[in-house]
């Protein structure tokens, strides 16, 4: 359960790479990538060292 944020971030990056080449869903993928990266950065910099 503690690795769920990393799993979500990796999945979002993979989907973003696929979506980057498929322009019809590109905007949604970029928005979701930003949300995943922000949540990952918050988790990393929050001081929680149990990851």
PDB file of N, CA and C in Angstrom:
ATOM      1  N   UNK A   1       0.817  -1.196   0.000  1.00  0.00           N
ATOM      2  CA  UNK A   1       0.000   0.000   0.000  1.00  0.00           C
ATOM      3  C   UNK A   1       0.860   1.259   0.000  1.00  0.00           C
ATOM      4  N   UNK A   2       2.056   1.180   0.593  1.00  0.00           N
ATOM      5  CA  UNK A   2       2.881   2.377   0.674  1.00  0.00           C
ATOM      6  C   UNK A   2       3.534   2.745  -0.649  1.00  0.00           C
ATOM      7  N   UNK A   3       3.523   1.832  -1.613  1.00  0.00           N
ATOM      8  CA  UNK A   3       4.115   2.119  -2.918  1.00  0.00           C
ATOM      9  C   UNK A   3       3.068   2.532  -3.949  1.00  0.00           C
ATOM     10  N   UNK A   4       1.832   2.720  -3.513  1.00  0.00           N
ATOM     11  CA  UNK A   4       0.752   3.014  -4.449  1.00  0.00           C
ATOM     12  C   UNK A   4       0.993   4.332  -5.183  1.00  0.00           C
ATOM     13  N   UNK A   5       1.583   5.319  -4.532  1.00  0.00           N
ATOM     14  CA  UNK A   5       1.839   6.600  -5.178  1.00  0.00           C
ATOM     15  C   UNK A   5       2.858   6.450  -6.298  1.00  0.00           C
ATOM     16  N   UNK A   6       3.883   5.664  -6.076  1.00  0.00           N
ATOM     17  CA  UNK A   6       4.876   5.430  -7.117  1.00  0.00           C
ATOM     18  C   UNK A   6       4.289   4.640  -8.280  1.00  0.00           C
ATOM     19  N   UNK A   7       3.445   3.677  -7.982  1.00  0.00           N
ATOM     20  CA  UNK A   7       2.798   2.900  -9.037  1.00  0.00           C
ATOM     21  C   UNK A   7       1.913   3.802  -9.884  1.00  0.00           C
ATOM     22  N   UNK A   8       1.141   4.671  -9.235  1.00  0.00           N
ATOM     23  CA  UNK A   8       0.277   5.597  -9.965  1.00  0.00           C
ATOM     24  C   UNK A   8       1.123   6.536 -10.814  1.00  0.00           C
ATOM     25  N   UNK A   9       2.224   7.045 -10.263  1.00  0.00           N
ATOM     26  CA  UNK A   9       3.083   7.963 -11.015  1.00  0.00           C
ATOM     27  C   UNK A   9       3.690   7.277 -12.239  1.00  0.00           C
ATOM     28  N   UNK A  10       4.146   6.045 -12.094  1.00  0.00           N
ATOM     29  CA  UNK A  10       4.737   5.321 -13.221  1.00  0.00           C
ATOM     30  C   UNK A  10       3.683   5.043 -14.288  1.00  0.00           C
ATOM     31  N   UNK A  11       2.499   4.644 -13.864  1.00  0.00           N
ATOM     32  CA  UNK A  11       1.419   4.395 -14.823  1.00  0.00           C
ATOM     33  C   UNK A  11       1.060   5.679 -15.559  1.00  0.00           C
ATOM     34  N   UNK A  12       0.996   6.798 -14.839  1.00  0.00           N
ATOM     35  CA  UNK A  12       0.663   8.069 -15.478  1.00  0.00           C
ATOM     36  C   UNK A  12       1.746   8.497 -16.460  1.00  0.00           C
ATOM     37  N   UNK A  13       2.996   8.256 -16.144  1.00  0.00           N
ATOM     38  CA  UNK A  13       4.082   8.596 -17.071  1.00  0.00           C
ATOM     39  C   UNK A  13       3.996   7.731 -18.326  1.00  0.00           C
ATOM     40  N   UNK A  14       3.703   6.452 -18.163  1.00  0.00           N
ATOM     41  CA  UNK A  14       3.557   5.576 -19.326  1.00  0.00           C
ATOM     42  C   UNK A  14       2.388   6.023 -20.189  1.00  0.00           C
ATOM     43  N   UNK A  15       1.265   6.342 -19.563  1.00  0.00           N
ATOM     44  CA  UNK A  15       0.105   6.816 -20.314  1.00  0.00           C
ATOM     45  C   UNK A  15       0.408   8.145 -20.984  1.00  0.00           C
ATOM     46  N   UNK A  16       1.173   9.007 -20.292  1.00  0.00           N
ATOM     47  CA  UNK A  16       1.542  10.302 -20.876  1.00  0.00           C
ATOM     48  C   UNK A  16       2.403  10.116 -22.121  1.00  0.00           C
ATOM     49  N   UNK A  17       3.353   9.191 -22.061  1.00  0.00           N
ATOM     50  CA  UNK A  17       4.210   8.942 -23.218  1.00  0.00           C
ATOM     51  C   UNK A  17       3.380   8.428 -24.392  1.00  0.00           C
ATOM     52  N   UNK A  18       2.440   7.543 -24.111  1.00  0.00           N
ATOM     53  CA  UNK A  18       1.553   7.062 -25.173  1.00  0.00           C
ATOM     54  C   UNK A  18       0.681   8.205 -25.686  1.00  0.00           C
ATOM     55  N   UNK A  19       0.117   8.977 -24.773  1.00  0.00           N
ATOM     56  CA  UNK A  19      -0.749  10.086 -25.148  1.00  0.00           C
ATOM     57  C   UNK A  19      -0.027  11.215 -25.843  1.00  0.00           C
ATOM     58  N   UNK A  20       1.263  11.337 -25.598  1.00  0.00           N
ATOM     59  CA  UNK A  20       2.046  12.385 -26.255  1.00  0.00           C
ATOM     60  C   UNK A  20       2.053  12.180 -27.764  1.00  0.00           C
ATOM     61  N   UNK A  21       2.007  10.932 -28.189  1.00  0.00           N
ATOM     62  CA  UNK A  21       2.017  10.631 -29.614  1.00  0.00           C
ATOM     63  C   UNK A  21       0.617  10.494 -30.203  1.00  0.00           C
ATOM     64  N   UNK A  22      -0.370  10.436 -29.353  1.00  0.00           N
ATOM     65  CA  UNK A  22      -1.767  10.395 -29.800  1.00  0.00           C
ATOM     66  C   UNK A  22      -2.381  11.725 -29.380  1.00  0.00           C
ATOM     67  N   UNK A  23      -2.482  12.657 -30.311  1.00  0.00           N
ATOM     68  CA  UNK A  23      -2.824  14.030 -29.970  1.00  0.00           C
ATOM     69  C   UNK A  23      -4.274  14.214 -29.547  1.00  0.00           C
ATOM     70  N   UNK A  24      -5.136  13.275 -29.793  1.00  0.00           N
ATOM     71  CA  UNK A  24      -6.541  13.467 -29.450  1.00  0.00           C
ATOM     72  C   UNK A  24      -6.781  13.457 -27.948  1.00  0.00           C
ATOM     73  N   UNK A  25      -5.966  12.739 -27.189  1.00  0.00           N
ATOM     74  CA  UNK A  25      -6.141  12.700 -25.738  1.00  0.00           C
ATOM     75  C   UNK A  25      -4.968  13.354 -25.016  1.00  0.00           C
ATOM     76  N   UNK A  26      -4.159  14.091 -25.747  1.00  0.00           N
ATOM     77  CA  UNK A  26      -2.939  14.670 -25.178  1.00  0.00           C
ATOM     78  C   UNK A  26      -3.171  15.621 -24.034  1.00  0.00           C
ATOM     79  N   UNK A  27      -4.170  16.476 -24.120  1.00  0.00           N
ATOM     80  CA  UNK A  27      -4.405  17.471 -23.079  1.00  0.00           C
ATOM     81  C   UNK A  27      -4.802  16.818 -21.758  1.00  0.00           C
ATOM     82  N   UNK A  28      -5.638  15.802 -21.822  1.00  0.00           N
ATOM     83  CA  UNK A  28      -6.065  15.114 -20.600  1.00  0.00           C
ATOM     84  C   UNK A  28      -4.884  14.386 -19.960  1.00  0.00           C
ATOM     85  N   UNK A  29      -4.057  13.765 -20.763  1.00  0.00           N
ATOM     86  CA  UNK A  29      -2.906  13.037 -20.245  1.00  0.00           C
ATOM     87  C   UNK A  29      -1.915  13.997 -19.592  1.00  0.00           C
ATOM     88  N   UNK A  30      -1.689  15.151 -20.205  1.00  0.00           N
ATOM     89  CA  UNK A  30      -0.768  16.109 -19.621  1.00  0.00           C
ATOM     90  C   UNK A  30      -1.294  16.624 -18.284  1.00  0.00           C
ATOM     91  N   UNK A  31      -2.573  16.862 -18.200  1.00  0.00           N
ATOM     92  CA  UNK A  31      -3.166  17.305 -16.942  1.00  0.00           C
ATOM     93  C   UNK A  31      -3.019  16.236 -15.868  1.00  0.00           C
ATOM     94  N   UNK A  32      -3.268  14.986 -16.210  1.00  0.00           N
ATOM     95  CA  UNK A  32      -3.129  13.901 -15.242  1.00  0.00           C
ATOM     96  C   UNK A  32      -1.674  13.683 -14.840  1.00  0.00           C
ATOM     97  N   UNK A  33      -0.762  13.895 -15.768  1.00  0.00           N
ATOM     98  CA  UNK A  33       0.661  13.791 -15.442  1.00  0.00           C
ATOM     99  C   UNK A  33       1.058  14.849 -14.430  1.00  0.00           C
ATOM    100  N   UNK A  34       0.590  16.058 -14.617  1.00  0.00           N
ATOM    101  CA  UNK A  34       0.897  17.131 -13.667  1.00  0.00           C
ATOM    102  C   UNK A  34       0.348  16.787 -12.291  1.00  0.00           C
ATOM    103  N   UNK A  35      -0.862  16.275 -12.225  1.00  0.00           N
ATOM    104  CA  UNK A  35      -1.453  15.884 -10.940  1.00  0.00           C
ATOM    105  C   UNK A  35      -0.624  14.773 -10.284  1.00  0.00           C
ATOM    106  N   UNK A  36      -0.193  13.791 -11.064  1.00  0.00           N
ATOM    107  CA  UNK A  36       0.609  12.691 -10.515  1.00  0.00           C
ATOM    108  C   UNK A  36       1.956  13.187 -10.021  1.00  0.00           C
ATOM    109  N   UNK A  37       2.604  14.066 -10.782  1.00  0.00           N
ATOM    110  CA  UNK A  37       3.911  14.577 -10.368  1.00  0.00           C
ATOM    111  C   UNK A  37       3.814  15.454  -9.125  1.00  0.00           C
ATOM    112  N   UNK A  38       2.775  16.276  -9.048  1.00  0.00           N
ATOM    113  CA  UNK A  38       2.595  17.117  -7.862  1.00  0.00           C
ATOM    114  C   UNK A  38       2.352  16.259  -6.629  1.00  0.00           C
ATOM    115  N   UNK A  39       1.520  15.233  -6.749  1.00  0.00           N
ATOM    116  CA  UNK A  39       1.276  14.368  -5.597  1.00  0.00           C
ATOM    117  C   UNK A  39       2.528  13.601  -5.198  1.00  0.00           C
ATOM    118  N   UNK A  40       3.340  13.205  -6.180  1.00  0.00           N
ATOM    119  CA  UNK A  40       4.594  12.529  -5.879  1.00  0.00           C
ATOM    120  C   UNK A  40       5.562  13.463  -5.158  1.00  0.00           C
ATOM    121  N   UNK A  41       5.674  14.700  -5.627  1.00  0.00           N
ATOM    122  CA  UNK A  41       6.568  15.663  -4.981  1.00  0.00           C
ATOM    123  C   UNK A  41       6.111  15.995  -3.571  1.00  0.00           C
ATOM    124  N   UNK A  42       4.815  16.112  -3.364  1.00  0.00           N
ATOM    125  CA  UNK A  42       4.300  16.367  -2.014  1.00  0.00           C
ATOM    126  C   UNK A  42       4.651  15.214  -1.089  1.00  0.00           C
ATOM    127  N   UNK A  43       4.507  14.000  -1.572  1.00  0.00           N
ATOM    128  CA  UNK A  43       4.826  12.817  -0.758  1.00  0.00           C
ATOM    129  C   UNK A  43       6.318  12.761  -0.434  1.00  0.00           C
ATOM    130  N   UNK A  44       7.174  13.065  -1.422  1.00  0.00           N
ATOM    131  CA  UNK A  44       8.620  12.988  -1.215  1.00  0.00           C
ATOM    132  C   UNK A  44       9.093  14.074  -0.255  1.00  0.00           C
ATOM    133  N   UNK A  45       8.585  15.290  -0.419  1.00  0.00           N
ATOM    134  CA  UNK A  45       9.059  16.402   0.386  1.00  0.00           C
ATOM    135  C   UNK A  45       8.290  16.600   1.685  1.00  0.00           C
ATOM    136  N   UNK A  46       7.327  15.740   1.955  1.00  0.00           N
ATOM    137  CA  UNK A  46       6.549  15.900   3.180  1.00  0.00           C
ATOM    138  C   UNK A  46       7.306  15.418   4.414  1.00  0.00           C
ATOM    139  N   UNK A  47       8.422  14.745   4.208  1.00  0.00           N
ATOM    140  CA  UNK A  47       9.222  14.287   5.343  1.00  0.00           C
ATOM    141  C   UNK A  47       8.894  12.864   5.734  1.00  0.00           C
ATOM    142  N   UNK A  48       8.006  12.213   5.020  1.00  0.00           N
ATOM    143  CA  UNK A  48       7.662  10.831   5.321  1.00  0.00           C
ATOM    144  C   UNK A  48       8.732   9.923   4.726  1.00  0.00           C
ATOM    145  N   UNK A  49       9.559   9.329   5.565  1.00  0.00           N
ATOM    146  CA  UNK A  49      10.672   8.510   5.099  1.00  0.00           C
ATOM    147  C   UNK A  49      10.336   7.025   5.044  1.00  0.00           C
ATOM    148  N   UNK A  50       9.042   6.665   5.156  1.00  0.00           N
ATOM    149  CA  UNK A  50       8.660   5.261   5.153  1.00  0.00           C
ATOM    150  C   UNK A  50       8.500   4.709   3.752  1.00  0.00           C
ATOM    151  N   UNK A  51       8.772   5.496   2.724  1.00  0.00           N
ATOM    152  CA  UNK A  51       8.600   5.053   1.336  1.00  0.00           C
ATOM    153  C   UNK A  51       9.783   4.189   0.933  1.00  0.00           C
TER     154      UNK A  51
END
